[in-house]
Amino acid sequence: ELLAKPAGLPVSSATDVLIRSIGGQDTALGLGLLFARPGPA
Protein backbone atom coordinates (compact mmCIF):
# COMPACT_ATOMS: atom_id res chain seq x y z
CA GLU A 1 0.00 0.00 0.00
CA LEU A 2 3.05 2.32 0.18
CA LEU A 3 2.73 2.51 -3.61
CA ALA A 4 -0.92 1.53 -4.08
CA LYS A 5 -2.33 4.34 -1.94
CA PRO A 6 -0.50 7.31 -3.53
CA ALA A 7 -1.12 5.87 -7.00
CA GLY A 8 -4.82 5.40 -6.27
CA LEU A 9 -4.70 1.70 -7.09
CA PRO A 10 -7.47 -0.51 -5.73
CA VAL A 11 -6.82 -2.58 -2.64
CA SER A 12 -6.82 -6.15 -3.89
CA SER A 13 -4.70 -9.28 -3.88
CA ALA A 14 -3.96 -8.70 -7.59
CA THR A 15 -2.62 -5.21 -6.88
CA ASP A 16 -0.53 -6.59 -4.00
CA VAL A 17 0.99 -9.24 -6.26
CA LEU A 18 1.94 -6.72 -8.94
CA ILE A 19 3.40 -4.24 -6.47
CA ARG A 20 5.35 -6.97 -4.70
CA SER A 21 6.71 -8.04 -8.09
CA ILE A 22 7.87 -4.48 -8.77
CA GLY A 23 9.30 -4.35 -5.26
CA GLY A 24 11.24 -7.57 -5.74
CA GLN A 25 12.73 -6.47 -9.04
CA ASP A 26 13.64 -3.04 -7.74
CA THR A 27 15.14 -4.51 -4.55
CA ALA A 28 17.43 -6.59 -6.77
CA LEU A 29 18.36 -3.50 -8.79
CA GLY A 30 19.05 -1.54 -5.61
CA LEU A 31 21.28 -4.27 -4.22
CA GLY A 32 23.05 -4.44 -7.58
CA LEU A 33 23.77 -0.72 -7.34
CA LEU A 34 25.10 -1.19 -3.82
CA PHE A 35 27.43 -4.08 -4.60
CA ALA A 36 28.43 -3.82 -8.28
CA ARG A 37 32.08 -3.12 -8.94
CA PRO A 38 32.79 0.41 -10.16
CA GLY A 39 33.05 0.62 -13.93
CA PRO A 40 31.01 -1.30 -16.50
CA ALA A 41 29.11 -3.41 -13.95
ModelCIF file with pLDDT and N, C-alpha, C, O atoms, coordinates in Angstrom:
data_MODEL
#
_entry.id   MODEL 
#
_entity.id                         1 
_entity.type                       polymer 
_entity.pdbx_number_of_molecules   1 
#
_entity_poly.entity_id                      1 
_entity_poly.type                           'polypeptide(L)' 
_entity_poly.nstd_linkage                   no 
_entity_poly.nstd_monomer                   no 
_entity_poly.pdbx_seq_one_letter_code       ELLAKPAGLPVSSATDVLIRSIGGQDTALGLGLLFARPGPA 
_entity_poly.pdbx_seq_one_letter_code_can   ELLAKPAGLPVSSATDVLIRSIGGQDTALGLGLLFARPGPA 
_entity_poly.pdbx_strand_id                 A 
#
loop_
_entity_poly_seq.entity_id 
_entity_poly_seq.num 
_entity_poly_seq.mon_id 
_entity_poly_seq.hetero 
1 1  GLU n 
1 2  LEU n 
1 3  LEU n 
1 4  ALA n 
1 5  LYS n 
1 6  PRO n 
1 7  ALA n 
1 8  GLY n 
1 9  LEU n 
1 10 PRO n 
1 11 VAL n 
1 12 SER n 
1 13 SER n 
1 14 ALA n 
1 15 THR n 
1 16 ASP n 
1 17 VAL n 
1 18 LEU n 
1 19 ILE n 
1 20 ARG n 
1 21 SER n 
1 22 ILE n 
1 23 GLY n 
1 24 GLY n 
1 25 GLN n 
1 26 ASP n 
1 27 THR n 
1 28 ALA n 
1 29 LEU n 
1 30 GLY n 
1 31 LEU n 
1 32 GLY n 
1 33 LEU n 
1 34 LEU n 
1 35 PHE n 
1 36 ALA n 
1 37 ARG n 
1 38 PRO n 
1 39 GLY n 
1 40 PRO n 
1 41 ALA n 
#
_struct_asym.id          A 
_struct_asym.entity_id   1 
#
loop_
_ma_qa_metric.id 
_ma_qa_metric.mode 
_ma_qa_metric.name 
_ma_qa_metric.software_group_id 
_ma_qa_metric.type 
1 global pLDDT . pLDDT 
2 local  pLDDT . pLDDT 
#
_ma_qa_metric_global.metric_id      1 
_ma_qa_metric_global.metric_value   96.12 
_ma_qa_metric_global.model_id       1 
_ma_qa_metric_global.ordinal_id     1 
#
loop_
_ma_qa_metric_local.label_asym_id 
_ma_qa_metric_local.label_comp_id 
_ma_qa_metric_local.label_seq_id 
_ma_qa_metric_local.metric_id 
_ma_qa_metric_local.metric_value 
_ma_qa_metric_local.model_id 
_ma_qa_metric_local.ordinal_id 
A GLU 1  2 96.00 1 1  
A LEU 2  2 96.00 1 2  
A LEU 3  2 95.00 1 3  
A ALA 4  2 96.00 1 4  
A LYS 5  2 95.00 1 5  
A PRO 6  2 93.00 1 6  
A ALA 7  2 94.00 1 7  
A GLY 8  2 94.00 1 8  
A LEU 9  2 94.00 1 9  
A PRO 10 2 91.00 1 10 
A VAL 11 2 87.00 1 11 
A SER 12 2 95.00 1 12 
A SER 13 2 96.00 1 13 
A ALA 14 2 96.00 1 14 
A THR 15 2 96.00 1 15 
A ASP 16 2 97.00 1 16 
A VAL 17 2 97.00 1 17 
A LEU 18 2 95.00 1 18 
A ILE 19 2 97.00 1 19 
A ARG 20 2 98.00 1 20 
A SER 21 2 96.00 1 21 
A ILE 22 2 96.00 1 22 
A GLY 23 2 97.00 1 23 
A GLY 24 2 97.00 1 24 
A GLN 25 2 97.00 1 25 
A ASP 26 2 97.00 1 26 
A THR 27 2 98.00 1 27 
A ALA 28 2 98.00 1 28 
A LEU 29 2 97.00 1 29 
A GLY 30 2 98.00 1 30 
A LEU 31 2 98.00 1 31 
A GLY 32 2 98.00 1 32 
A LEU 33 2 98.00 1 33 
A LEU 34 2 97.00 1 34 
A PHE 35 2 97.00 1 35 
A ALA 36 2 98.00 1 36 
A ARG 37 2 97.00 1 37 
A PRO 38 2 97.00 1 38 
A GLY 39 2 97.00 1 39 
A PRO 40 2 97.00 1 40 
A ALA 41 2 98.00 1 41 
#
loop_
_atom_site.group_PDB 
_atom_site.id 
_atom_site.type_symbol 
_atom_site.label_atom_id 
_atom_site.label_alt_id 
_atom_site.label_comp_id 
_atom_site.label_asym_id 
_atom_site.label_entity_id 
_atom_site.label_seq_id 
_atom_site.pdbx_PDB_ins_code 
_atom_site.Cartn_x 
_atom_site.Cartn_y 
_atom_site.Cartn_z 
_atom_site.occupancy 
_atom_site.B_iso_or_equiv 
_atom_site.pdbx_formal_charge 
_atom_site.auth_seq_id 
_atom_site.auth_comp_id 
_atom_site.auth_asym_id 
_atom_site.auth_atom_id 
_atom_site.pdbx_PDB_model_num 
ATOM 1   N N  . GLU A 1 1  ? 0.813  -1.216 0.000   1.00 96.00 ? 1  GLU A N  1 
ATOM 2   C CA . GLU A 1 1  ? 0.000  0.000  0.000   1.00 96.00 ? 1  GLU A CA 1 
ATOM 3   C C  . GLU A 1 1  ? 0.853  1.275  0.000   1.00 96.00 ? 1  GLU A C  1 
ATOM 4   O O  . GLU A 1 1  ? 0.334  2.363  -0.251  1.00 96.00 ? 1  GLU A O  1 
ATOM 5   N N  . LEU A 1 2  ? 2.161  1.147  0.281   1.00 96.00 ? 2  LEU A N  1 
ATOM 6   C CA . LEU A 1 2  ? 3.048  2.317  0.184   1.00 96.00 ? 2  LEU A CA 1 
ATOM 7   C C  . LEU A 1 2  ? 3.077  2.884  -1.227  1.00 96.00 ? 2  LEU A C  1 
ATOM 8   O O  . LEU A 1 2  ? 3.312  4.079  -1.404  1.00 96.00 ? 2  LEU A O  1 
ATOM 9   N N  . LEU A 1 3  ? 2.844  2.054  -2.227  1.00 95.00 ? 3  LEU A N  1 
ATOM 10  C CA . LEU A 1 3  ? 2.726  2.509  -3.609  1.00 95.00 ? 3  LEU A CA 1 
ATOM 11  C C  . LEU A 1 3  ? 1.270  2.574  -4.050  1.00 95.00 ? 3  LEU A C  1 
ATOM 12  O O  . LEU A 1 3  ? 0.871  3.495  -4.762  1.00 95.00 ? 3  LEU A O  1 
ATOM 13  N N  . ALA A 1 4  ? 0.481  1.597  -3.626  1.00 96.00 ? 4  ALA A N  1 
ATOM 14  C CA . ALA A 1 4  ? -0.918 1.530  -4.081  1.00 96.00 ? 4  ALA A CA 1 
ATOM 15  C C  . ALA A 1 4  ? -1.707 2.781  -3.688  1.00 96.00 ? 4  ALA A C  1 
ATOM 16  O O  . ALA A 1 4  ? -2.441 3.341  -4.502  1.00 96.00 ? 4  ALA A O  1 
ATOM 17  N N  . LYS A 1 5  ? -1.550 3.206  -2.447  1.00 95.00 ? 5  LYS A N  1 
ATOM 18  C CA . LYS A 1 5  ? -2.331 4.338  -1.944  1.00 95.00 ? 5  LYS A CA 1 
ATOM 19  C C  . LYS A 1 5  ? -2.038 5.633  -2.707  1.00 95.00 ? 5  LYS A C  1 
ATOM 20  O O  . LYS A 1 5  ? -2.968 6.258  -3.215  1.00 95.00 ? 5  LYS A O  1 
ATOM 21  N N  . PRO A 1 6  ? -0.762 6.057  -2.803  1.00 93.00 ? 6  PRO A N  1 
ATOM 22  C CA . PRO A 1 6  ? -0.500 7.308  -3.530  1.00 93.00 ? 6  PRO A CA 1 
ATOM 23  C C  . PRO A 1 6  ? -0.864 7.229  -5.012  1.00 93.00 ? 6  PRO A C  1 
ATOM 24  O O  . PRO A 1 6  ? -1.202 8.240  -5.629  1.00 93.00 ? 6  PRO A O  1 
ATOM 25  N N  . ALA A 1 7  ? -0.792 6.020  -5.581  1.00 94.00 ? 7  ALA A N  1 
ATOM 26  C CA . ALA A 1 7  ? -1.125 5.866  -7.001  1.00 94.00 ? 7  ALA A CA 1 
ATOM 27  C C  . ALA A 1 7  ? -2.627 5.736  -7.227  1.00 94.00 ? 7  ALA A C  1 
ATOM 28  O O  . ALA A 1 7  ? -3.094 5.800  -8.364  1.00 94.00 ? 7  ALA A O  1 
ATOM 29  N N  . GLY A 1 8  ? -3.381 5.552  -6.149  1.00 94.00 ? 8  GLY A N  1 
ATOM 30  C CA . GLY A 1 8  ? -4.822 5.399  -6.274  1.00 94.00 ? 8  GLY A CA 1 
ATOM 31  C C  . GLY A 1 8  ? -5.231 4.042  -6.824  1.00 94.00 ? 8  GLY A C  1 
ATOM 32  O O  . GLY A 1 8  ? -6.293 3.905  -7.430  1.00 94.00 ? 8  GLY A O  1 
ATOM 33  N N  . LEU A 1 9  ? -4.387 3.043  -6.613  1.00 94.00 ? 9  LEU A N  1 
ATOM 34  C CA . LEU A 1 9  ? -4.700 1.696  -7.085  1.00 94.00 ? 9  LEU A CA 1 
ATOM 35  C C  . LEU A 1 9  ? -5.659 1.015  -6.115  1.00 94.00 ? 9  LEU A C  1 
ATOM 36  O O  . LEU A 1 9  ? -5.607 1.272  -4.912  1.00 94.00 ? 9  LEU A O  1 
ATOM 37  N N  . PRO A 1 10 ? -6.520 0.160  -6.617  1.00 91.00 ? 10 PRO A N  1 
ATOM 38  C CA . PRO A 1 10 ? -7.474 -0.508 -5.730  1.00 91.00 ? 10 PRO A CA 1 
ATOM 39  C C  . PRO A 1 10 ? -6.777 -1.482 -4.786  1.00 91.00 ? 10 PRO A C  1 
ATOM 40  O O  . PRO A 1 10 ? -5.765 -2.093 -5.130  1.00 91.00 ? 10 PRO A O  1 
ATOM 41  N N  . VAL A 1 11 ? -7.339 -1.611 -3.599  1.00 87.00 ? 11 VAL A N  1 
ATOM 42  C CA . VAL A 1 11 ? -6.815 -2.579 -2.643  1.00 87.00 ? 11 VAL A CA 1 
ATOM 43  C C  . VAL A 1 11 ? -7.340 -3.949 -3.056  1.00 87.00 ? 11 VAL A C  1 
ATOM 44  O O  . VAL A 1 11 ? -8.540 -4.217 -2.991  1.00 87.00 ? 11 VAL A O  1 
ATOM 45  N N  . SER A 1 12 ? -6.425 -4.805 -3.480  1.00 95.00 ? 12 SER A N  1 
ATOM 46  C CA . SER A 1 12 ? -6.815 -6.153 -3.887  1.00 95.00 ? 12 SER A CA 1 
ATOM 47  C C  . SER A 1 12 ? -5.592 -7.044 -3.861  1.00 95.00 ? 12 SER A C  1 
ATOM 48  O O  . SER A 1 12 ? -4.457 -6.566 -3.834  1.00 95.00 ? 12 SER A O  1 
ATOM 49  N N  . SER A 1 13 ? -5.836 -8.347 -3.868  1.00 96.00 ? 13 SER A N  1 
ATOM 50  C CA . SER A 1 13 ? -4.702 -9.280 -3.881  1.00 96.00 ? 13 SER A CA 1 
ATOM 51  C C  . SER A 1 13 ? -3.943 -9.167 -5.200  1.00 96.00 ? 13 SER A C  1 
ATOM 52  O O  . SER A 1 13 ? -2.727 -9.357 -5.222  1.00 96.00 ? 13 SER A O  1 
ATOM 53  N N  . ALA A 1 14 ? -4.631 -8.861 -6.301  1.00 96.00 ? 14 ALA A N  1 
ATOM 54  C CA . ALA A 1 14 ? -3.956 -8.703 -7.592  1.00 96.00 ? 14 ALA A CA 1 
ATOM 55  C C  . ALA A 1 14 ? -3.013 -7.496 -7.567  1.00 96.00 ? 14 ALA A C  1 
ATOM 56  O O  . ALA A 1 14 ? -1.889 -7.574 -8.062  1.00 96.00 ? 14 ALA A O  1 
ATOM 57  N N  . THR A 1 15 ? -3.468 -6.397 -6.999  1.00 96.00 ? 15 THR A N  1 
ATOM 58  C CA . THR A 1 15 ? -2.617 -5.212 -6.875  1.00 96.00 ? 15 THR A CA 1 
ATOM 59  C C  . THR A 1 15 ? -1.409 -5.525 -6.009  1.00 96.00 ? 15 THR A C  1 
ATOM 60  O O  . THR A 1 15 ? -0.286 -5.151 -6.348  1.00 96.00 ? 15 THR A O  1 
ATOM 61  N N  . ASP A 1 16 ? -1.634 -6.215 -4.886  1.00 97.00 ? 16 ASP A N  1 
ATOM 62  C CA . ASP A 1 16 ? -0.532 -6.588 -3.998  1.00 97.00 ? 16 ASP A CA 1 
ATOM 63  C C  . ASP A 1 16 ? 0.509  -7.427 -4.727  1.00 97.00 ? 16 ASP A C  1 
ATOM 64  O O  . ASP A 1 16 ? 1.710  -7.207 -4.567  1.00 97.00 ? 16 ASP A O  1 
ATOM 65  N N  . VAL A 1 17 ? 0.058  -8.378 -5.522  1.00 97.00 ? 17 VAL A N  1 
ATOM 66  C CA . VAL A 1 17 ? 0.991  -9.242 -6.257  1.00 97.00 ? 17 VAL A CA 1 
ATOM 67  C C  . VAL A 1 17 ? 1.837  -8.418 -7.225  1.00 97.00 ? 17 VAL A C  1 
ATOM 68  O O  . VAL A 1 17 ? 3.055  -8.587 -7.288  1.00 97.00 ? 17 VAL A O  1 
ATOM 69  N N  . LEU A 1 18 ? 1.198  -7.536 -7.971  1.00 95.00 ? 18 LEU A N  1 
ATOM 70  C CA . LEU A 1 18 ? 1.936  -6.723 -8.940  1.00 95.00 ? 18 LEU A CA 1 
ATOM 71  C C  . LEU A 1 18 ? 2.926  -5.782 -8.255  1.00 95.00 ? 18 LEU A C  1 
ATOM 72  O O  . LEU A 1 18 ? 4.058  -5.630 -8.713  1.00 95.00 ? 18 LEU A O  1 
ATOM 73  N N  . ILE A 1 19 ? 2.504  -5.156 -7.171  1.00 97.00 ? 19 ILE A N  1 
ATOM 74  C CA . ILE A 1 19 ? 3.404  -4.236 -6.468  1.00 97.00 ? 19 ILE A CA 1 
ATOM 75  C C  . ILE A 1 19 ? 4.548  -5.002 -5.818  1.00 97.00 ? 19 ILE A C  1 
ATOM 76  O O  . ILE A 1 19 ? 5.684  -4.529 -5.817  1.00 97.00 ? 19 ILE A O  1 
ATOM 77  N N  . ARG A 1 20 ? 4.266  -6.163 -5.273  1.00 98.00 ? 20 ARG A N  1 
ATOM 78  C CA . ARG A 1 20 ? 5.350  -6.974 -4.699  1.00 98.00 ? 20 ARG A CA 1 
ATOM 79  C C  . ARG A 1 20 ? 6.335  -7.425 -5.784  1.00 98.00 ? 20 ARG A C  1 
ATOM 80  O O  . ARG A 1 20 ? 7.534  -7.533 -5.531  1.00 98.00 ? 20 ARG A O  1 
ATOM 81  N N  . SER A 1 21 ? 5.829  -7.683 -6.976  1.00 96.00 ? 21 SER A N  1 
ATOM 82  C CA . SER A 1 21 ? 6.710  -8.038 -8.093  1.00 96.00 ? 21 SER A CA 1 
ATOM 83  C C  . SER A 1 21 ? 7.631  -6.865 -8.438  1.00 96.00 ? 21 SER A C  1 
ATOM 84  O O  . SER A 1 21 ? 8.836  -7.042 -8.615  1.00 96.00 ? 21 SER A O  1 
ATOM 85  N N  . ILE A 1 22 ? 7.056  -5.682 -8.531  1.00 96.00 ? 22 ILE A N  1 
ATOM 86  C CA . ILE A 1 22 ? 7.865  -4.478 -8.772  1.00 96.00 ? 22 ILE A CA 1 
ATOM 87  C C  . ILE A 1 22 ? 8.873  -4.307 -7.641  1.00 96.00 ? 22 ILE A C  1 
ATOM 88  O O  . ILE A 1 22 ? 10.045 -4.017 -7.881  1.00 96.00 ? 22 ILE A O  1 
ATOM 89  N N  . GLY A 1 23 ? 8.412  -4.488 -6.415  1.00 97.00 ? 23 GLY A N  1 
ATOM 90  C CA . GLY A 1 23 ? 9.297  -4.348 -5.257  1.00 97.00 ? 23 GLY A CA 1 
ATOM 91  C C  . GLY A 1 23 ? 10.452 -5.330 -5.285  1.00 97.00 ? 23 GLY A C  1 
ATOM 92  O O  . GLY A 1 23 ? 11.583 -4.970 -4.960  1.00 97.00 ? 23 GLY A O  1 
ATOM 93  N N  . GLY A 1 24 ? 10.181 -6.556 -5.667  1.00 97.00 ? 24 GLY A N  1 
ATOM 94  C CA . GLY A 1 24 ? 11.238 -7.567 -5.737  1.00 97.00 ? 24 GLY A CA 1 
ATOM 95  C C  . GLY A 1 24 ? 12.274 -7.228 -6.797  1.00 97.00 ? 24 GLY A C  1 
ATOM 96  O O  . GLY A 1 24 ? 13.478 -7.327 -6.560  1.00 97.00 ? 24 GLY A O  1 
ATOM 97  N N  . GLN A 1 25 ? 11.799 -6.833 -7.955  1.00 97.00 ? 25 GLN A N  1 
ATOM 98  C CA . GLN A 1 25 ? 12.725 -6.473 -9.035  1.00 97.00 ? 25 GLN A CA 1 
ATOM 99  C C  . GLN A 1 25 ? 13.556 -5.250 -8.659  1.00 97.00 ? 25 GLN A C  1 
ATOM 100 O O  . GLN A 1 25 ? 14.766 -5.221 -8.881  1.00 97.00 ? 25 GLN A O  1 
ATOM 101 N N  . ASP A 1 26 ? 12.906 -4.250 -8.094  1.00 97.00 ? 26 ASP A N  1 
ATOM 102 C CA . ASP A 1 26 ? 13.641 -3.039 -7.740  1.00 97.00 ? 26 ASP A CA 1 
ATOM 103 C C  . ASP A 1 26 ? 14.571 -3.259 -6.540  1.00 97.00 ? 26 ASP A C  1 
ATOM 104 O O  . ASP A 1 26 ? 15.607 -2.601 -6.437  1.00 97.00 ? 26 ASP A O  1 
ATOM 105 N N  . THR A 1 27 ? 14.217 -4.166 -5.643  1.00 98.00 ? 27 THR A N  1 
ATOM 106 C CA . THR A 1 27 ? 15.142 -4.509 -4.554  1.00 98.00 ? 27 THR A CA 1 
ATOM 107 C C  . THR A 1 27 ? 16.416 -5.101 -5.143  1.00 98.00 ? 27 THR A C  1 
ATOM 108 O O  . THR A 1 27 ? 17.520 -4.751 -4.725  1.00 98.00 ? 27 THR A O  1 
ATOM 109 N N  . ALA A 1 28 ? 16.263 -5.994 -6.110  1.00 98.00 ? 28 ALA A N  1 
ATOM 110 C CA . ALA A 1 28 ? 17.432 -6.590 -6.766  1.00 98.00 ? 28 ALA A CA 1 
ATOM 111 C C  . ALA A 1 28 ? 18.276 -5.516 -7.464  1.00 98.00 ? 28 ALA A C  1 
ATOM 112 O O  . ALA A 1 28 ? 19.505 -5.539 -7.381  1.00 98.00 ? 28 ALA A O  1 
ATOM 113 N N  . LEU A 1 29 ? 17.621 -4.586 -8.143  1.00 97.00 ? 29 LEU A N  1 
ATOM 114 C CA . LEU A 1 29 ? 18.363 -3.500 -8.791  1.00 97.00 ? 29 LEU A CA 1 
ATOM 115 C C  . LEU A 1 29 ? 19.097 -2.637 -7.762  1.00 97.00 ? 29 LEU A C  1 
ATOM 116 O O  . LEU A 1 29 ? 20.251 -2.259 -7.964  1.00 97.00 ? 29 LEU A O  1 
ATOM 117 N N  . GLY A 1 30 ? 18.417 -2.336 -6.668  1.00 98.00 ? 30 GLY A N  1 
ATOM 118 C CA . GLY A 1 30 ? 19.051 -1.536 -5.612  1.00 98.00 ? 30 GLY A CA 1 
ATOM 119 C C  . GLY A 1 30 ? 20.262 -2.228 -5.021  1.00 98.00 ? 30 GLY A C  1 
ATOM 120 O O  . GLY A 1 30 ? 21.298 -1.598 -4.806  1.00 98.00 ? 30 GLY A O  1 
ATOM 121 N N  . LEU A 1 31 ? 20.141 -3.519 -4.756  1.00 98.00 ? 31 LEU A N  1 
ATOM 122 C CA . LEU A 1 31 ? 21.281 -4.273 -4.224  1.00 98.00 ? 31 LEU A CA 1 
ATOM 123 C C  . LEU A 1 31 ? 22.408 -4.348 -5.245  1.00 98.00 ? 31 LEU A C  1 
ATOM 124 O O  . LEU A 1 31 ? 23.585 -4.304 -4.888  1.00 98.00 ? 31 LEU A O  1 
ATOM 125 N N  . GLY A 1 32 ? 22.038 -4.461 -6.524  1.00 98.00 ? 32 GLY A N  1 
ATOM 126 C CA . GLY A 1 32 ? 23.052 -4.438 -7.580  1.00 98.00 ? 32 GLY A CA 1 
ATOM 127 C C  . GLY A 1 32 ? 23.820 -3.125 -7.590  1.00 98.00 ? 32 GLY A C  1 
ATOM 128 O O  . GLY A 1 32 ? 25.038 -3.114 -7.768  1.00 98.00 ? 32 GLY A O  1 
ATOM 129 N N  . LEU A 1 33 ? 23.112 -2.021 -7.401  1.00 98.00 ? 33 LEU A N  1 
ATOM 130 C CA . LEU A 1 33 ? 23.770 -0.717 -7.339  1.00 98.00 ? 33 LEU A CA 1 
ATOM 131 C C  . LEU A 1 33 ? 24.682 -0.608 -6.117  1.00 98.00 ? 33 LEU A C  1 
ATOM 132 O O  . LEU A 1 33 ? 25.727 0.041  -6.171  1.00 98.00 ? 33 LEU A O  1 
ATOM 133 N N  . LEU A 1 34 ? 24.290 -1.232 -5.039  1.00 97.00 ? 34 LEU A N  1 
ATOM 134 C CA . LEU A 1 34 ? 25.102 -1.186 -3.823  1.00 97.00 ? 34 LEU A CA 1 
ATOM 135 C C  . LEU A 1 34 ? 26.388 -2.004 -3.941  1.00 97.00 ? 34 LEU A C  1 
ATOM 136 O O  . LEU A 1 34 ? 27.426 -1.617 -3.404  1.00 97.00 ? 34 LEU A O  1 
ATOM 137 N N  . PHE A 1 35 ? 26.317 -3.133 -4.642  1.00 97.00 ? 35 PHE A N  1 
ATOM 138 C CA . PHE A 1 35 ? 27.434 -4.080 -4.599  1.00 97.00 ? 35 PHE A CA 1 
ATOM 139 C C  . PHE A 1 35 ? 28.183 -4.271 -5.912  1.00 97.00 ? 35 PHE A C  1 
ATOM 140 O O  . PHE A 1 35 ? 29.197 -4.969 -5.932  1.00 97.00 ? 35 PHE A O  1 
ATOM 141 N N  . ALA A 1 36 ? 27.720 -3.677 -7.008  1.00 98.00 ? 36 ALA A N  1 
ATOM 142 C CA . ALA A 1 36 ? 28.430 -3.823 -8.282  1.00 98.00 ? 36 ALA A CA 1 
ATOM 143 C C  . ALA A 1 36 ? 29.788 -3.139 -8.217  1.00 98.00 ? 36 ALA A C  1 
ATOM 144 O O  . ALA A 1 36 ? 29.948 -2.096 -7.583  1.00 98.00 ? 36 ALA A O  1 
ATOM 145 N N  . ARG A 1 37 ? 30.753 -3.743 -8.882  1.00 97.00 ? 37 ARG A N  1 
ATOM 146 C CA . ARG A 1 37 ? 32.076 -3.121 -8.945  1.00 97.00 ? 37 ARG A CA 1 
ATOM 147 C C  . ARG A 1 37 ? 31.993 -1.834 -9.771  1.00 97.00 ? 37 ARG A C  1 
ATOM 148 O O  . ARG A 1 37 ? 31.256 -1.767 -10.754 1.00 97.00 ? 37 ARG A O  1 
ATOM 149 N N  . PRO A 1 38 ? 32.752 -0.820 -9.364  1.00 97.00 ? 38 PRO A N  1 
ATOM 150 C CA . PRO A 1 38 ? 32.790 0.410  -10.161 1.00 97.00 ? 38 PRO A CA 1 
ATOM 151 C C  . PRO A 1 38 ? 33.245 0.099  -11.587 1.00 97.00 ? 38 PRO A C  1 
ATOM 152 O O  . PRO A 1 38 ? 34.060 -0.795 -11.812 1.00 97.00 ? 38 PRO A O  1 
ATOM 153 N N  . GLY A 1 39 ? 32.710 0.843  -12.531 1.00 97.00 ? 39 GLY A N  1 
ATOM 154 C CA . GLY A 1 39 ? 33.054 0.620  -13.932 1.00 97.00 ? 39 GLY A CA 1 
ATOM 155 C C  . GLY A 1 39 ? 31.854 0.081  -14.687 1.00 97.00 ? 39 GLY A C  1 
ATOM 156 O O  . GLY A 1 39 ? 30.719 0.460  -14.401 1.00 97.00 ? 39 GLY A O  1 
ATOM 157 N N  . PRO A 1 40 ? 32.095 -0.804 -15.651 1.00 97.00 ? 40 PRO A N  1 
ATOM 158 C CA . PRO A 1 40 ? 31.009 -1.297 -16.497 1.00 97.00 ? 40 PRO A CA 1 
ATOM 159 C C  . PRO A 1 40 ? 29.860 -1.968 -15.735 1.00 97.00 ? 40 PRO A C  1 
ATOM 160 O O  . PRO A 1 40 ? 28.696 -1.792 -16.096 1.00 97.00 ? 40 PRO A O  1 
ATOM 161 N N  . ALA A 1 41 ? 30.171 -2.725 -14.697 1.00 98.00 ? 41 ALA A N  1 
ATOM 162 C CA . ALA A 1 41 ? 29.110 -3.409 -13.946 1.00 98.00 ? 41 ALA A CA 1 
ATOM 163 C C  . ALA A 1 41 ? 28.177 -2.397 -13.275 1.00 98.00 ? 41 ALA A C  1 
ATOM 164 O O  . ALA A 1 41 ? 27.225 -2.789 -12.599 1.00 98.00 ? 41 ALA A O  1 
#
